Amino acid sequence: MGDRMSSGGSTNKRSGDRTKAVIPVRVKGKDSAGKAFEELVITLDVNPDGIRLGSVHHELNLLEEITVFYRQRKIQFRVIWTKKMKGTSEFHVGLQAVAQDFEAWGLNFAGYKRQPAAQSTASQASVGA
C-alpha cells in the first residue's frame, strides 16, 4: 500500500531476479532480545546479494548480522526486513549478503547484475504489505 523509501530509482525494481530455492540452512545470531540463538530454517529464494528465509521462530532486529551455515560454508548476512506471518509464530526474513558469493548456493546466476551497495539500508527496512 504505502511507498517504500529508496535511495533513487524505481522502488519496485529488485537488484536481480530471485531464484526460488527451498534449501535447509542453519542460522546463528542474536534475536531481538539480544539472546543468542541457533535454528534450522529454510530459504524461500536466493540471489547472490541475499536470501529470503522462512520458518524463522525468532524475532530479529533490523541491521543485525547473522551467520548462515550451508554445507561447508559459513556466510554472513545482514537483516534488512522481517515479517511476522499471520496466525503463526513464524517470521519471513530478508537478508542481504555482507559479501557476494556466486558459488555459495550451487545455482546458476548467469546474467545477474550486482546492485550497488545502498548507503543506508535502514531506508529499506520497513516493507509494506
C-alpha atoms as a PDB file:
ATOM      1  CA  MET A   1       0.000   0.000   0.000  1.00  0.00           C
ATOM      2  CA  GLY A   2       2.494   2.634   1.174  1.00  0.00           C
ATOM      3  CA  ASP A   3       5.528   3.656  -0.817  1.00  0.00           C
ATOM      4  CA  ARG A   4       8.851   2.288   0.262  1.00  0.00           C
ATOM      5  CA  MET A   5      11.629   4.778   0.717  1.00  0.00           C
ATOM      6  CA  SER A   6      14.503   4.210  -1.659  1.00  0.00           C
ATOM      7  CA  SER A   7      17.864   5.740  -2.438  1.00  0.00           C
ATOM      8  CA  GLY A   8      16.843   6.540  -6.002  1.00  0.00           C
ATOM      9  CA  GLY A   9      15.483   4.640  -8.980  1.00  0.00           C
ATOM     10  CA  SER A  10      12.310   2.616  -9.120  1.00  0.00           C
ATOM     11  CA  THR A  11      11.059   1.366  -5.762  1.00  0.00           C
ATOM     12  CA  ASN A  12       9.704  -1.823  -7.342  1.00  0.00           C
ATOM     13  CA  LYS A  13      12.969  -2.808  -9.033  1.00  0.00           C
ATOM     14  CA  ARG A  14      14.925  -5.594  -7.343  1.00  0.00           C
ATOM     15  CA  SER A  15      18.654  -5.951  -7.765  1.00  0.00           C
ATOM     16  CA  GLY A  16      18.039  -9.078  -9.823  1.00  0.00           C
ATOM     17  CA  ASP A  17      15.688 -11.962 -10.263  1.00  0.00           C
ATOM     18  CA  ARG A  18      15.287 -14.190  -7.286  1.00  0.00           C
ATOM     19  CA  THR A  19      15.752 -17.901  -7.778  1.00  0.00           C
ATOM     20  CA  LYS A  20      13.149 -19.915  -5.899  1.00  0.00           C
ATOM     21  CA  ALA A  21      15.086 -22.370  -3.795  1.00  0.00           C
ATOM     22  CA  VAL A  22      13.912 -24.246  -0.728  1.00  0.00           C
ATOM     23  CA  ILE A  23      17.179 -25.136   0.974  1.00  0.00           C
ATOM     24  CA  PRO A  24      17.544 -26.158   4.630  1.00  0.00           C
ATOM     25  CA  VAL A  25      20.147 -23.989   6.364  1.00  0.00           C
ATOM     26  CA  ARG A  26      21.257 -23.359   9.926  1.00  0.00           C
ATOM     27  CA  VAL A  27      21.279 -19.768  11.183  1.00  0.00           C
ATOM     28  CA  LYS A  28      23.094 -18.410  14.191  1.00  0.00           C
ATOM     29  CA  GLY A  29      22.949 -14.944  15.702  1.00  0.00           C
ATOM     30  CA  LYS A  30      21.169 -12.804  18.288  1.00  0.00           C
ATOM     31  CA  ASP A  31      17.435 -12.298  18.438  1.00  0.00           C
ATOM     32  CA  SER A  32      15.638  -9.007  19.115  1.00  0.00           C
ATOM     33  CA  ALA A  33      16.107  -9.545  22.875  1.00  0.00           C
ATOM     34  CA  GLY A  34      19.886  -9.849  22.405  1.00  0.00           C
ATOM     35  CA  LYS A  35      19.761 -13.573  23.176  1.00  0.00           C
ATOM     36  CA  ALA A  36      21.988 -15.936  21.161  1.00  0.00           C
ATOM     37  CA  PHE A  37      20.103 -18.491  19.080  1.00  0.00           C
ATOM     38  CA  GLU A  38      20.765 -21.226  16.558  1.00  0.00           C
ATOM     39  CA  GLU A  39      17.947 -22.607  14.415  1.00  0.00           C
ATOM     40  CA  LEU A  40      17.315 -24.817  11.379  1.00  0.00           C
ATOM     41  CA  VAL A  41      15.258 -22.829   8.814  1.00  0.00           C
ATOM     42  CA  ILE A  42      14.637 -22.855   5.055  1.00  0.00           C
ATOM     43  CA  THR A  43      15.447 -20.461   2.269  1.00  0.00           C
ATOM     44  CA  LEU A  44      12.479 -19.438   0.123  1.00  0.00           C
ATOM     45  CA  ASP A  45      14.503 -17.788  -2.608  1.00  0.00           C
ATOM     46  CA  VAL A  46      18.086 -16.708  -3.163  1.00  0.00           C
ATOM     47  CA  ASN A  47      20.278 -14.478  -5.309  1.00  0.00           C
ATOM     48  CA  PRO A  48      23.967 -13.604  -4.958  1.00  0.00           C
ATOM     49  CA  ASP A  49      23.082 -10.458  -2.963  1.00  0.00           C
ATOM     50  CA  GLY A  50      20.779 -12.042  -0.434  1.00  0.00           C
ATOM     51  CA  ILE A  51      18.167 -14.564   0.592  1.00  0.00           C
ATOM     52  CA  ARG A  52      14.659 -14.746   1.964  1.00  0.00           C
ATOM     53  CA  LEU A  53      14.191 -17.139   4.869  1.00  0.00           C
ATOM     54  CA  GLY A  54      11.044 -18.846   6.087  1.00  0.00           C
ATOM     55  CA  SER A  55      10.269 -20.834   9.251  1.00  0.00           C
ATOM     56  CA  VAL A  56      12.250 -18.458  11.464  1.00  0.00           C
ATOM     57  CA  HIS A  57      10.957 -18.680  15.057  1.00  0.00           C
ATOM     58  CA  HIS A  58      12.998 -15.804  16.474  1.00  0.00           C
ATOM     59  CA  GLU A  59      12.250 -12.127  16.025  1.00  0.00           C
ATOM     60  CA  LEU A  60      15.334 -10.393  14.619  1.00  0.00           C
ATOM     61  CA  ASN A  61      16.491  -6.791  14.730  1.00  0.00           C
ATOM     62  CA  LEU A  62      16.977  -4.863  11.506  1.00  0.00           C
ATOM     63  CA  LEU A  63      20.641  -4.498  10.513  1.00  0.00           C
ATOM     64  CA  GLU A  64      21.656  -7.322  12.884  1.00  0.00           C
ATOM     65  CA  GLU A  65      24.293  -9.602  11.356  1.00  0.00           C
ATOM     66  CA  ILE A  66      23.638 -13.333  11.383  1.00  0.00           C
ATOM     67  CA  THR A  67      25.574 -16.318  10.094  1.00  0.00           C
ATOM     68  CA  VAL A  68      24.039 -18.834   7.705  1.00  0.00           C
ATOM     69  CA  PHE A  69      25.593 -22.303   7.561  1.00  0.00           C
ATOM     70  CA  TYR A  70      25.079 -24.174   4.282  1.00  0.00           C
ATOM     71  CA  ARG A  71      27.045 -27.337   3.543  1.00  0.00           C
ATOM     72  CA  GLN A  72      30.654 -26.465   4.385  1.00  0.00           C
ATOM     73  CA  ARG A  73      30.038 -22.721   4.010  1.00  0.00           C
ATOM     74  CA  LYS A  74      29.586 -20.038   6.614  1.00  0.00           C
ATOM     75  CA  ILE A  75      28.023 -16.888   5.086  1.00  0.00           C
ATOM     76  CA  GLN A  76      27.466 -13.530   6.821  1.00  0.00           C
ATOM     77  CA  PHE A  77      24.195 -11.676   6.216  1.00  0.00           C
ATOM     78  CA  ARG A  78      22.531  -8.517   7.487  1.00  0.00           C
ATOM     79  CA  VAL A  79      18.796  -8.462   8.316  1.00  0.00           C
ATOM     80  CA  ILE A  80      17.086  -5.930   6.030  1.00  0.00           C
ATOM     81  CA  TRP A  81      13.446  -6.777   6.720  1.00  0.00           C
ATOM     82  CA  THR A  82      11.332  -9.100   8.803  1.00  0.00           C
ATOM     83  CA  LYS A  83       7.648 -10.003   8.601  1.00  0.00           C
ATOM     84  CA  LYS A  84       5.542 -11.940  11.122  1.00  0.00           C
ATOM     85  CA  MET A  85       3.335 -14.481   9.382  1.00  0.00           C
ATOM     86  CA  LYS A  86      -0.326 -14.145  10.380  1.00  0.00           C
ATOM     87  CA  GLY A  87      -1.660 -16.869  12.652  1.00  0.00           C
ATOM     88  CA  THR A  88       1.760 -18.408  13.300  1.00  0.00           C
ATOM     89  CA  SER A  89       4.831 -17.885  15.447  1.00  0.00           C
ATOM     90  CA  GLU A  90       6.978 -17.756  12.309  1.00  0.00           C
ATOM     91  CA  PHE A  91       8.748 -14.921  10.532  1.00  0.00           C
ATOM     92  CA  HIS A  92       9.931 -14.416   6.985  1.00  0.00           C
ATOM     93  CA  VAL A  93      13.251 -12.591   6.969  1.00  0.00           C
ATOM     94  CA  GLY A  94      15.075 -10.764   4.185  1.00  0.00           C
ATOM     95  CA  LEU A  95      18.851 -10.944   4.421  1.00  0.00           C
ATOM     96  CA  GLN A  96      21.487  -9.042   2.465  1.00  0.00           C
ATOM     97  CA  ALA A  97      24.854 -10.704   1.932  1.00  0.00           C
ATOM     98  CA  VAL A  98      27.735  -8.882   3.586  1.00  0.00           C
ATOM     99  CA  ALA A  99      29.988 -10.161   0.752  1.00  0.00           C
ATOM    100  CA  GLN A 100      28.794 -11.553  -2.584  1.00  0.00           C
ATOM    101  CA  ASP A 101      29.461 -15.228  -3.276  1.00  0.00           C
ATOM    102  CA  PHE A 102      28.162 -16.524  -6.608  1.00  0.00           C
ATOM    103  CA  GLU A 103      29.211 -20.084  -5.727  1.00  0.00           C
ATOM    104  CA  ALA A 104      27.583 -20.315  -2.302  1.00  0.00           C
ATOM    105  CA  TRP A 105      24.299 -21.896  -3.360  1.00  0.00           C
ATOM    106  CA  GLY A 106      25.479 -24.020  -6.287  1.00  0.00           C
ATOM    107  CA  LEU A 107      22.912 -22.273  -8.513  1.00  0.00           C
ATOM    108  CA  ASN A 108      23.358 -20.601 -11.901  1.00  0.00           C
ATOM    109  CA  PHE A 109      23.063 -16.815 -11.650  1.00  0.00           C
ATOM    110  CA  ALA A 110      24.027 -16.108 -15.285  1.00  0.00           C
ATOM    111  CA  GLY A 111      23.188 -12.560 -16.289  1.00  0.00           C
ATOM    112  CA  TYR A 112      22.798 -11.419 -12.691  1.00  0.00           C
ATOM    113  CA  LYS A 113      23.687  -7.746 -12.219  1.00  0.00           C
ATOM    114  CA  ARG A 114      25.096  -6.713  -8.859  1.00  0.00           C
ATOM    115  CA  GLN A 115      23.197  -3.877  -7.211  1.00  0.00           C
ATOM    116  CA  PRO A 116      25.443  -1.142  -5.839  1.00  0.00           C
ATOM    117  CA  ALA A 117      25.519  -1.299  -2.065  1.00  0.00           C
ATOM    118  CA  ALA A 118      22.945   1.063  -0.603  1.00  0.00           C
ATOM    119  CA  GLN A 119      24.354   3.823   1.571  1.00  0.00           C
ATOM    120  CA  SER A 120      21.552   3.372   4.075  1.00  0.00           C
ATOM    121  CA  THR A 121      19.851   0.009   4.359  1.00  0.00           C
ATOM    122  CA  ALA A 122      17.681   1.468   7.115  1.00  0.00           C
ATOM    123  CA  SER A 123      15.662   3.323   4.455  1.00  0.00           C
ATOM    124  CA  GLN A 124      14.645  -0.067   3.034  1.00  0.00           C
ATOM    125  CA  ALA A 125      13.918  -1.553   6.422  1.00  0.00           C
ATOM    126  CA  SER A 126      10.143  -1.062   6.554  1.00  0.00           C
ATOM    127  CA  VAL A 127       8.459  -3.188   3.944  1.00  0.00           C
ATOM    128  CA  GLY A 128       4.809  -2.594   3.133  1.00  0.00           C
ATOM    129  CA  ALA A 129       2.271  -5.360   2.679  1.00  0.00           C
END
